[in-house]
Amino acid sequence: MNHSTEINALVKLLDDPDQEVFEHVQKRLLEYGDEVIAHLEDVWEKSLDTLLQERIENLVHQIQFNIVKEDLSLWYHSGAFDLLKGAIIINRYQYPDLDEQKVINELEEIKREIWLNLQYEMSSIEKVKLINHVFYNVYGFRGNTKNHNDPQNSYLNQVMESKRGNQISLAILYATLAQKLDIPVYGVNLPQHFILGYIDESKRDENEFGVLFYINAFNKGAIFGKHDVDQFLRQLSLDPMPGFYAPCSNVEIIRRILRNLMTAYENLGLHEKVAELKELQEIITHPES
């Protein structure tokens, strides 16, 4: 029996009232993965049976969720080099049919606009002011202050569309644009506020963190210094840990997106989503040795 015939035969059994039969069918279809989704969606559209439709929706979601888990695991274990890629994988948790290329192309367009005005002799501050001008003034990106806890603020496709995001999604877009232009801007994992640092390796000796200055992507790219971070930590009564000043890894940034999403869905009472996001979090958390 070829794939297509077996899949069709299995799909026909999805509404079987016998739980054992249903579980066996579900298990087989899950093993097929991605290739059964089109079949399932086709049956869903033609069906008037709500139980069958619900079973198909759950199955399609489970298959798509498995793909996200596999992709995230692969990203993590192969070095987590591409921050944008990691954020797009999380994006597909909520938007499985996400057009990744569209997001990448839109970012390329913004990058090109910055690149056209970039002069070789510009200082680091002038470069950042140019990014700020294009990103915030020309394209209109802003921190979403009205609905700060909305989970949509964490999904890049939504942020690109609405031009509104939270600290971390705006910082990811900002850092991606800068790095594509060889401008060394990286995420800094400050508690309760995610910021960016402009890195100058040659300053590593005078300044243990190698950060020339910091950038607040949530507040139109405002530039500030280490003493402002000190003050912020004092307000929160937190000890100044090195990790609050220095660039963090891509994995830490993706973990933080997941934490934001878990909090957002927790507040909305969507506990199943919180449980699934915990599974994603576990994939990129080192097992305690």
C-alpha atoms as a PDB file:
ATOM      1  CA  MET A   1       0.000   0.000   0.000  1.00  0.00           C
ATOM      2  CA  ASN A   2       1.570   3.314  -0.965  1.00  0.00           C
ATOM      3  CA  HIS A   3       1.784   6.300   1.382  1.00  0.00           C
ATOM      4  CA  SER A   4      -1.117   8.177  -0.079  1.00  0.00           C
ATOM      5  CA  THR A   5      -3.458   5.176   0.088  1.00  0.00           C
ATOM      6  CA  GLU A   6      -2.487   4.347   3.654  1.00  0.00           C
ATOM      7  CA  ILE A   7      -2.896   7.986   4.746  1.00  0.00           C
ATOM      8  CA  ASN A   8      -6.353   8.129   3.157  1.00  0.00           C
ATOM      9  CA  ALA A   9      -7.336   4.857   4.833  1.00  0.00           C
ATOM     10  CA  LEU A  10      -6.104   6.145   8.211  1.00  0.00           C
ATOM     11  CA  VAL A  11      -7.854   9.498   7.854  1.00  0.00           C
ATOM     12  CA  LYS A  12     -11.140   7.644   7.174  1.00  0.00           C
ATOM     13  CA  LEU A  13     -10.770   5.953  10.581  1.00  0.00           C
ATOM     14  CA  LEU A  14     -10.229   9.180  12.502  1.00  0.00           C
ATOM     15  CA  ASP A  15     -13.862   9.417  13.541  1.00  0.00           C
ATOM     16  CA  ASP A  16     -13.957   5.838  14.812  1.00  0.00           C
ATOM     17  CA  PRO A  17     -15.844   5.814  18.144  1.00  0.00           C
ATOM     18  CA  ASP A  18     -13.480   3.147  19.505  1.00  0.00           C
ATOM     19  CA  GLN A  19     -10.833   5.086  21.478  1.00  0.00           C
ATOM     20  CA  GLU A  20      -8.227   2.376  20.913  1.00  0.00           C
ATOM     21  CA  VAL A  21      -8.671   2.486  17.131  1.00  0.00           C
ATOM     22  CA  PHE A  22      -8.521   6.287  17.193  1.00  0.00           C
ATOM     23  CA  GLU A  23      -5.318   6.301  19.256  1.00  0.00           C
ATOM     24  CA  HIS A  24      -3.646   3.819  16.906  1.00  0.00           C
ATOM     25  CA  VAL A  25      -4.670   5.885  13.858  1.00  0.00           C
ATOM     26  CA  GLN A  26      -3.494   9.095  15.488  1.00  0.00           C
ATOM     27  CA  LYS A  27      -0.119   7.560  16.334  1.00  0.00           C
ATOM     28  CA  ARG A  28       0.411   6.385  12.746  1.00  0.00           C
ATOM     29  CA  LEU A  29      -0.566   9.764  11.284  1.00  0.00           C
ATOM     30  CA  LEU A  30       1.759  11.582  13.699  1.00  0.00           C
ATOM     31  CA  GLU A  31       4.604   9.369  12.454  1.00  0.00           C
ATOM     32  CA  TYR A  32       3.971  10.548   8.901  1.00  0.00           C
ATOM     33  CA  GLY A  33       4.321  14.132  10.072  1.00  0.00           C
ATOM     34  CA  ASP A  34       4.180  17.052   7.681  1.00  0.00           C
ATOM     35  CA  GLU A  35       3.012  15.141   4.623  1.00  0.00           C
ATOM     36  CA  VAL A  36      -0.434  14.295   6.100  1.00  0.00           C
ATOM     37  CA  ILE A  37      -1.411  17.894   6.868  1.00  0.00           C
ATOM     38  CA  ALA A  38      -2.797  18.637   3.394  1.00  0.00           C
ATOM     39  CA  HIS A  39      -4.904  15.417   3.495  1.00  0.00           C
ATOM     40  CA  LEU A  40      -6.227  16.275   6.952  1.00  0.00           C
ATOM     41  CA  GLU A  41      -7.107  19.846   6.031  1.00  0.00           C
ATOM     42  CA  ASP A  42      -8.902  18.589   2.941  1.00  0.00           C
ATOM     43  CA  VAL A  43     -11.051  16.198   5.010  1.00  0.00           C
ATOM     44  CA  TRP A  44     -11.684  18.919   7.624  1.00  0.00           C
ATOM     45  CA  GLU A  45     -13.096  21.245   4.942  1.00  0.00           C
ATOM     46  CA  LYS A  46     -15.461  18.592   3.591  1.00  0.00           C
ATOM     47  CA  SER A  47     -16.614  17.297   6.961  1.00  0.00           C
ATOM     48  CA  LEU A  48     -19.643  18.411   8.947  1.00  0.00           C
ATOM     49  CA  ASP A  49     -18.770  16.210  11.897  1.00  0.00           C
ATOM     50  CA  THR A  50     -17.587  18.425  14.779  1.00  0.00           C
ATOM     51  CA  LEU A  51     -15.836  15.560  16.597  1.00  0.00           C
ATOM     52  CA  LEU A  52     -13.882  14.679  13.462  1.00  0.00           C
ATOM     53  CA  GLN A  53     -13.028  18.330  12.841  1.00  0.00           C
ATOM     54  CA  GLU A  54     -11.804  18.714  16.400  1.00  0.00           C
ATOM     55  CA  ARG A  55      -9.700  15.562  16.158  1.00  0.00           C
ATOM     56  CA  ILE A  56      -8.173  16.806  12.905  1.00  0.00           C
ATOM     57  CA  GLU A  57      -7.420  20.254  14.384  1.00  0.00           C
ATOM     58  CA  ASN A  58      -5.670  18.665  17.369  1.00  0.00           C
ATOM     59  CA  LEU A  59      -3.727  16.319  15.140  1.00  0.00           C
ATOM     60  CA  VAL A  60      -2.595  19.058  12.741  1.00  0.00           C
ATOM     61  CA  HIS A  61      -1.553  21.198  15.701  1.00  0.00           C
ATOM     62  CA  GLN A  62       0.386  18.294  17.227  1.00  0.00           C
ATOM     63  CA  ILE A  63       2.217  17.625  13.939  1.00  0.00           C
ATOM     64  CA  GLN A  64       3.068  21.314  13.503  1.00  0.00           C
ATOM     65  CA  PHE A  65       4.172  21.569  17.139  1.00  0.00           C
ATOM     66  CA  ASN A  66       6.444  18.523  16.677  1.00  0.00           C
ATOM     67  CA  ILE A  67       8.055  20.247  13.675  1.00  0.00           C
ATOM     68  CA  VAL A  68       8.685  23.391  15.756  1.00  0.00           C
ATOM     69  CA  LYS A  69      10.268  21.241  18.501  1.00  0.00           C
ATOM     70  CA  GLU A  70      12.512  19.446  15.991  1.00  0.00           C
ATOM     71  CA  ASP A  71      13.574  22.705  14.340  1.00  0.00           C
ATOM     72  CA  LEU A  72      14.281  24.380  17.674  1.00  0.00           C
ATOM     73  CA  SER A  73      16.331  21.406  18.827  1.00  0.00           C
ATOM     74  CA  LEU A  74      18.323  21.429  15.584  1.00  0.00           C
ATOM     75  CA  TRP A  75      18.904  25.212  15.870  1.00  0.00           C
ATOM     76  CA  TYR A  76      20.076  24.829  19.470  1.00  0.00           C
ATOM     77  CA  HIS A  77      22.329  21.810  18.959  1.00  0.00           C
ATOM     78  CA  SER A  78      23.957  23.207  15.843  1.00  0.00           C
ATOM     79  CA  GLY A  79      25.191  26.275  17.707  1.00  0.00           C
ATOM     80  CA  ALA A  80      22.249  28.733  17.705  1.00  0.00           C
ATOM     81  CA  PHE A  81      24.214  31.072  15.425  1.00  0.00           C
ATOM     82  CA  ASP A  82      21.327  32.796  13.698  1.00  0.00           C
ATOM     83  CA  LEU A  83      19.171  34.767  16.136  1.00  0.00           C
ATOM     84  CA  LEU A  84      16.572  35.658  13.517  1.00  0.00           C
ATOM     85  CA  LYS A  85      16.184  31.965  12.629  1.00  0.00           C
ATOM     86  CA  GLY A  86      15.561  31.103  16.292  1.00  0.00           C
ATOM     87  CA  ALA A  87      12.930  33.836  16.617  1.00  0.00           C
ATOM     88  CA  ILE A  88      11.225  32.669  13.409  1.00  0.00           C
ATOM     89  CA  ILE A  89      11.009  29.096  14.748  1.00  0.00           C
ATOM     90  CA  ILE A  90       9.207  30.418  17.868  1.00  0.00           C
ATOM     91  CA  ASN A  91       7.038  32.537  15.567  1.00  0.00           C
ATOM     92  CA  ARG A  92       5.904  29.341  13.799  1.00  0.00           C
ATOM     93  CA  TYR A  93       4.578  27.980  17.095  1.00  0.00           C
ATOM     94  CA  GLN A  94       1.634  30.381  16.776  1.00  0.00           C
ATOM     95  CA  TYR A  95       1.782  30.903  12.990  1.00  0.00           C
ATOM     96  CA  PRO A  96       2.661  27.511  11.474  1.00  0.00           C
ATOM     97  CA  ASP A  97       2.055  28.761   7.924  1.00  0.00           C
ATOM     98  CA  LEU A  98       4.370  31.735   8.439  1.00  0.00           C
ATOM     99  CA  ASP A  99       5.999  33.023   5.261  1.00  0.00           C
ATOM    100  CA  GLU A 100       9.563  33.215   6.588  1.00  0.00           C
ATOM    101  CA  GLN A 101      10.904  34.667   3.377  1.00  0.00           C
ATOM    102  CA  LYS A 102       8.481  37.583   3.622  1.00  0.00           C
ATOM    103  CA  VAL A 103       9.871  38.529   7.057  1.00  0.00           C
ATOM    104  CA  ILE A 104      13.449  38.187   5.776  1.00  0.00           C
ATOM    105  CA  ASN A 105      12.713  40.245   2.642  1.00  0.00           C
ATOM    106  CA  GLU A 106      11.079  43.048   4.649  1.00  0.00           C
ATOM    107  CA  LEU A 107      14.139  43.217   6.899  1.00  0.00           C
ATOM    108  CA  GLU A 108      16.405  43.261   3.836  1.00  0.00           C
ATOM    109  CA  GLU A 109      14.455  46.237   2.524  1.00  0.00           C
ATOM    110  CA  ILE A 110      14.988  48.173   5.789  1.00  0.00           C
ATOM    111  CA  LYS A 111      18.665  47.142   5.816  1.00  0.00           C
ATOM    112  CA  ARG A 112      19.096  48.443   2.268  1.00  0.00           C
ATOM    113  CA  GLU A 113      17.587  51.790   3.230  1.00  0.00           C
ATOM    114  CA  ILE A 114      20.124  52.118   6.084  1.00  0.00           C
ATOM    115  CA  TRP A 115      23.002  50.884   3.903  1.00  0.00           C
ATOM    116  CA  LEU A 116      22.315  53.519   1.209  1.00  0.00           C
ATOM    117  CA  ASN A 117      22.968  56.258   3.790  1.00  0.00           C
ATOM    118  CA  LEU A 118      25.837  54.591   5.634  1.00  0.00           C
ATOM    119  CA  GLN A 119      29.193  56.413   5.308  1.00  0.00           C
ATOM    120  CA  TYR A 120      32.474  54.693   6.018  1.00  0.00           C
ATOM    121  CA  GLU A 121      33.765  57.504   8.238  1.00  0.00           C
ATOM    122  CA  MET A 122      30.674  57.623  10.485  1.00  0.00           C
ATOM    123  CA  SER A 123      31.247  57.238  14.218  1.00  0.00           C
ATOM    124  CA  SER A 124      29.493  54.481  16.155  1.00  0.00           C
ATOM    125  CA  ILE A 125      26.946  56.992  17.524  1.00  0.00           C
ATOM    126  CA  GLU A 126      26.253  58.354  14.024  1.00  0.00           C
ATOM    127  CA  LYS A 127      25.653  54.817  12.740  1.00  0.00           C
ATOM    128  CA  VAL A 128      23.171  54.134  15.529  1.00  0.00           C
ATOM    129  CA  LYS A 129      21.410  57.444  14.888  1.00  0.00           C
ATOM    130  CA  LEU A 130      21.066  56.455  11.232  1.00  0.00           C
ATOM    131  CA  ILE A 131      19.550  53.066  12.153  1.00  0.00           C
ATOM    132  CA  ASN A 132      17.227  54.892  14.573  1.00  0.00           C
ATOM    133  CA  HIS A 133      16.124  57.335  11.890  1.00  0.00           C
ATOM    134  CA  VAL A 134      15.287  54.611   9.352  1.00  0.00           C
ATOM    135  CA  PHE A 135      13.824  52.075  11.804  1.00  0.00           C
ATOM    136  CA  TYR A 136      11.701  54.433  13.926  1.00  0.00           C
ATOM    137  CA  ASN A 137      11.043  57.488  11.765  1.00  0.00           C
ATOM    138  CA  VAL A 138      10.919  56.101   8.235  1.00  0.00           C
ATOM    139  CA  TYR A 139       9.400  52.672   9.007  1.00  0.00           C
ATOM    140  CA  GLY A 140       7.518  53.733  12.149  1.00  0.00           C
ATOM    141  CA  PHE A 141       8.481  50.960  14.591  1.00  0.00           C
ATOM    142  CA  ARG A 142       7.479  51.653  18.217  1.00  0.00           C
ATOM    143  CA  GLY A 143       7.309  50.003  21.593  1.00  0.00           C
ATOM    144  CA  ASN A 144       3.781  48.758  22.246  1.00  0.00           C
ATOM    145  CA  THR A 145       3.095  50.687  25.434  1.00  0.00           C
ATOM    146  CA  LYS A 146      -0.709  50.302  25.287  1.00  0.00           C
ATOM    147  CA  ASN A 147      -0.853  46.499  25.130  1.00  0.00           C
ATOM    148  CA  HIS A 148       2.506  45.622  26.527  1.00  0.00           C
ATOM    149  CA  ASN A 149       1.546  42.087  27.626  1.00  0.00           C
ATOM    150  CA  ASP A 150      -0.098  41.061  24.366  1.00  0.00           C
ATOM    151  CA  PRO A 151       1.534  37.814  23.149  1.00  0.00           C
ATOM    152  CA  GLN A 152       1.465  39.241  19.590  1.00  0.00           C
ATOM    153  CA  ASN A 153       4.305  41.582  20.658  1.00  0.00           C
ATOM    154  CA  SER A 154       6.612  38.550  20.710  1.00  0.00           C
ATOM    155  CA  TYR A 155       5.867  37.261  17.200  1.00  0.00           C
ATOM    156  CA  LEU A 156       8.044  38.901  14.555  1.00  0.00           C
ATOM    157  CA  ASN A 157       5.529  38.646  11.704  1.00  0.00           C
ATOM    158  CA  GLN A 158       2.983  40.537  13.830  1.00  0.00           C
ATOM    159  CA  VAL A 159       5.577  43.112  14.893  1.00  0.00           C
ATOM    160  CA  MET A 160       6.617  43.658  11.267  1.00  0.00           C
ATOM    161  CA  GLU A 161       2.980  44.148  10.316  1.00  0.00           C
ATOM    162  CA  SER A 162       1.772  46.349  13.188  1.00  0.00           C
ATOM    163  CA  LYS A 163       5.163  48.100  13.717  1.00  0.00           C
ATOM    164  CA  ARG A 164       4.575  47.574  17.448  1.00  0.00           C
ATOM    165  CA  GLY A 165       6.569  45.231  19.646  1.00  0.00           C
ATOM    166  CA  ASN A 166       7.995  44.616  23.099  1.00  0.00           C
ATOM    167  CA  GLN A 167      11.584  45.245  24.245  1.00  0.00           C
ATOM    168  CA  ILE A 168      12.831  41.924  23.015  1.00  0.00           C
ATOM    169  CA  SER A 169      11.177  41.657  19.582  1.00  0.00           C
ATOM    170  CA  LEU A 170      12.244  45.199  18.665  1.00  0.00           C
ATOM    171  CA  ALA A 171      15.763  44.461  19.942  1.00  0.00           C
ATOM    172  CA  ILE A 172      15.958  41.303  17.778  1.00  0.00           C
ATOM    173  CA  LEU A 173      14.947  43.228  14.650  1.00  0.00           C
ATOM    174  CA  TYR A 174      17.324  46.081  15.528  1.00  0.00           C
ATOM    175  CA  ALA A 175      20.308  43.802  16.258  1.00  0.00           C
ATOM    176  CA  THR A 176      19.636  41.751  13.103  1.00  0.00           C
ATOM    177  CA  LEU A 177      19.666  44.893  10.944  1.00  0.00           C
ATOM    178  CA  ALA A 178      22.828  46.212  12.609  1.00  0.00           C
ATOM    179  CA  GLN A 179      24.699  42.911  12.331  1.00  0.00           C
ATOM    180  CA  LYS A 180      23.755  42.521   8.650  1.00  0.00           C
ATOM    181  CA  LEU A 181      25.549  45.872   8.161  1.00  0.00           C
ATOM    182  CA  ASP A 182      28.579  44.790  10.252  1.00  0.00           C
ATOM    183  CA  ILE A 183      27.586  47.166  13.045  1.00  0.00           C
ATOM    184  CA  PRO A 184      28.369  45.318  16.312  1.00  0.00           C
ATOM    185  CA  VAL A 185      25.081  45.651  18.227  1.00  0.00           C
ATOM    186  CA  TYR A 186      24.072  42.727  20.461  1.00  0.00           C
ATOM    187  CA  GLY A 187      21.394  41.902  23.035  1.00  0.00           C
ATOM    188  CA  VAL A 188      22.006  42.526  26.743  1.00  0.00           C
ATOM    189  CA  ASN A 189      19.847  40.535  29.152  1.00  0.00           C
ATOM    190  CA  LEU A 190      18.938  43.217  31.715  1.00  0.00           C
ATOM    191  CA  PRO A 191      16.256  42.115  34.225  1.00  0.00           C
ATOM    192  CA  GLN A 192      12.779  43.467  33.446  1.00  0.00           C
ATOM    193  CA  HIS A 193      14.156  45.327  30.463  1.00  0.00           C
ATOM    194  CA  PHE A 194      15.963  43.916  27.460  1.00  0.00           C
ATOM    195  CA  ILE A 195      18.495  46.316  25.927  1.00  0.00           C
ATOM    196  CA  LEU A 196      21.260  46.365  23.309  1.00  0.00           C
ATOM    197  CA  GLY A 197      24.967  47.058  23.596  1.00  0.00           C
ATOM    198  CA  TYR A 198      27.284  48.551  20.976  1.00  0.00           C
ATOM    199  CA  ILE A 199      30.403  46.404  21.298  1.00  0.00           C
ATOM    200  CA  ASP A 200      33.951  47.588  20.775  1.00  0.00           C
ATOM    201  CA  GLU A 201      36.351  44.701  21.336  1.00  0.00           C
ATOM    202  CA  SER A 202      39.339  47.055  21.484  1.00  0.00           C
ATOM    203  CA  LYS A 203      37.846  48.641  24.623  1.00  0.00           C
ATOM    204  CA  ARG A 204      37.656  45.275  26.386  1.00  0.00           C
ATOM    205  CA  ASP A 205      40.615  46.200  28.684  1.00  0.00           C
ATOM    206  CA  GLU A 206      39.325  49.548  30.012  1.00  0.00           C
ATOM    207  CA  ASN A 207      35.753  48.284  30.129  1.00  0.00           C
ATOM    208  CA  GLU A 208      35.394  44.641  31.145  1.00  0.00           C
ATOM    209  CA  PHE A 209      32.227  44.244  29.070  1.00  0.00           C
ATOM    210  CA  GLY A 210      33.563  45.754  25.837  1.00  0.00           C
ATOM    211  CA  VAL A 211      30.385  47.853  25.543  1.00  0.00           C
ATOM    212  CA  LEU A 212      30.829  51.399  24.230  1.00  0.00           C
ATOM    213  CA  PHE A 213      27.243  52.398  25.054  1.00  0.00           C
ATOM    214  CA  TYR A 214      23.772  50.910  25.386  1.00  0.00           C
ATOM    215  CA  ILE A 215      20.680  51.292  23.194  1.00  0.00           C
ATOM    216  CA  ASN A 216      17.021  51.072  24.211  1.00  0.00           C
ATOM    217  CA  ALA A 217      15.201  49.578  21.214  1.00  0.00           C
ATOM    218  CA  PHE A 218      11.851  49.975  22.997  1.00  0.00           C
ATOM    219  CA  ASN A 219      12.340  53.724  23.320  1.00  0.00           C
ATOM    220  CA  LYS A 220      13.243  54.772  19.752  1.00  0.00           C
ATOM    221  CA  GLY A 221      16.855  53.643  20.088  1.00  0.00           C
ATOM    222  CA  ALA A 222      17.752  56.009  22.951  1.00  0.00           C
ATOM    223  CA  ILE A 223      21.477  55.836  23.759  1.00  0.00           C
ATOM    224  CA  PHE A 224      22.708  55.617  27.370  1.00  0.00           C
ATOM    225  CA  GLY A 225      25.727  54.634  29.444  1.00  0.00           C
ATOM    226  CA  LYS A 226      26.750  52.077  32.061  1.00  0.00           C
ATOM    227  CA  HIS A 227      25.875  54.428  34.934  1.00  0.00           C
ATOM    228  CA  ASP A 228      22.246  54.395  33.759  1.00  0.00           C
ATOM    229  CA  VAL A 229      22.247  50.606  33.991  1.00  0.00           C
ATOM    230  CA  ASP A 230      23.754  50.890  37.498  1.00  0.00           C
ATOM    231  CA  GLN A 231      20.972  53.248  38.506  1.00  0.00           C
ATOM    232  CA  PHE A 232      18.260  51.032  37.000  1.00  0.00           C
ATOM    233  CA  LEU A 233      19.579  48.032  38.982  1.00  0.00           C
ATOM    234  CA  ARG A 234      19.671  50.118  42.173  1.00  0.00           C
ATOM    235  CA  GLN A 235      16.006  50.988  41.661  1.00  0.00           C
ATOM    236  CA  LEU A 236      15.218  47.283  41.405  1.00  0.00           C
ATOM    237  CA  SER A 237      17.462  46.606  44.450  1.00  0.00           C
ATOM    238  CA  LEU A 238      19.493  44.127  42.404  1.00  0.00           C
ATOM    239  CA  ASP A 239      23.199  43.429  42.710  1.00  0.00           C
ATOM    240  CA  PRO A 240      25.071  44.428  39.545  1.00  0.00           C
ATOM    241  CA  MET A 241      25.898  41.044  37.980  1.00  0.00           C
ATOM    242  CA  PRO A 242      28.219  40.871  34.928  1.00  0.00           C
ATOM    243  CA  GLY A 243      25.396  39.308  32.872  1.00  0.00           C
ATOM    244  CA  PHE A 244      23.338  42.502  33.213  1.00  0.00           C
ATOM    245  CA  TYR A 245      25.993  44.509  31.327  1.00  0.00           C
ATOM    246  CA  ALA A 246      27.544  42.179  28.778  1.00  0.00           C
ATOM    247  CA  PRO A 247      26.112  40.803  25.514  1.00  0.00           C
ATOM    248  CA  CYS A 248      24.170  37.584  26.011  1.00  0.00           C
ATOM    249  CA  SER A 249      23.854  34.491  23.825  1.00  0.00           C
ATOM    250  CA  ASN A 250      21.194  33.960  21.184  1.00  0.00           C
ATOM    251  CA  VAL A 251      19.857  31.070  23.268  1.00  0.00           C
ATOM    252  CA  GLU A 252      19.278  33.384  26.247  1.00  0.00           C
ATOM    253  CA  ILE A 253      17.354  35.770  23.995  1.00  0.00           C
ATOM    254  CA  ILE A 254      15.091  32.985  22.695  1.00  0.00           C
ATOM    255  CA  ARG A 255      14.560  31.741  26.272  1.00  0.00           C
ATOM    256  CA  ARG A 256      13.473  35.203  27.226  1.00  0.00           C
ATOM    257  CA  ILE A 257      10.942  35.352  24.361  1.00  0.00           C
ATOM    258  CA  LEU A 258       9.512  32.058  25.617  1.00  0.00           C
ATOM    259  CA  ARG A 259       9.266  33.412  29.185  1.00  0.00           C
ATOM    260  CA  ASN A 260       7.449  36.515  27.917  1.00  0.00           C
ATOM    261  CA  LEU A 261       5.013  34.362  25.969  1.00  0.00           C
ATOM    262  CA  MET A 262       4.404  32.055  28.928  1.00  0.00           C
ATOM    263  CA  THR A 263       3.579  35.051  31.129  1.00  0.00           C
ATOM    264  CA  ALA A 264       1.305  36.519  28.444  1.00  0.00           C
ATOM    265  CA  TYR A 265      -0.625  33.255  27.957  1.00  0.00           C
ATOM    266  CA  GLU A 266      -0.735  32.603  31.710  1.00  0.00           C
ATOM    267  CA  ASN A 267      -2.458  35.984  32.141  1.00  0.00           C
ATOM    268  CA  LEU A 268      -4.956  35.029  29.428  1.00  0.00           C
ATOM    269  CA  GLY A 269      -5.646  31.699  31.148  1.00  0.00           C
ATOM    270  CA  LEU A 270      -4.355  29.679  28.156  1.00  0.00           C
ATOM    271  CA  HIS A 271      -2.688  26.949  30.216  1.00  0.00           C
ATOM    272  CA  GLU A 272      -2.272  24.470  27.354  1.00  0.00           C
ATOM    273  CA  LYS A 273      -0.140  27.016  25.507  1.00  0.00           C
ATOM    274  CA  VAL A 274       1.925  27.637  28.641  1.00  0.00           C
ATOM    275  CA  ALA A 275       2.551  23.886  28.948  1.00  0.00           C
ATOM    276  CA  GLU A 276       3.653  23.649  25.295  1.00  0.00           C
ATOM    277  CA  LEU A 277       5.958  26.650  25.621  1.00  0.00           C
ATOM    278  CA  LYS A 278       7.503  24.960  28.677  1.00  0.00           C
ATOM    279  CA  GLU A 279       8.316  22.017  26.409  1.00  0.00           C
ATOM    280  CA  LEU A 280      10.044  24.393  23.994  1.00  0.00           C
ATOM    281  CA  GLN A 281      11.911  25.978  26.886  1.00  0.00           C
ATOM    282  CA  GLU A 282      13.172  22.572  28.041  1.00  0.00           C
ATOM    283  CA  ILE A 283      14.655  21.908  24.590  1.00  0.00           C
ATOM    284  CA  ILE A 284      16.983  24.904  24.927  1.00  0.00           C
ATOM    285  CA  THR A 285      17.810  24.564  28.614  1.00  0.00           C
ATOM    286  CA  HIS A 286      20.941  22.686  29.580  1.00  0.00           C
ATOM    287  CA  PRO A 287      20.127  19.581  31.570  1.00  0.00           C
ATOM    288  CA  GLU A 288      21.644  19.977  35.037  1.00  0.00           C
ATOM    289  CA  SER A 289      24.775  17.889  35.100  1.00  0.00           C
END
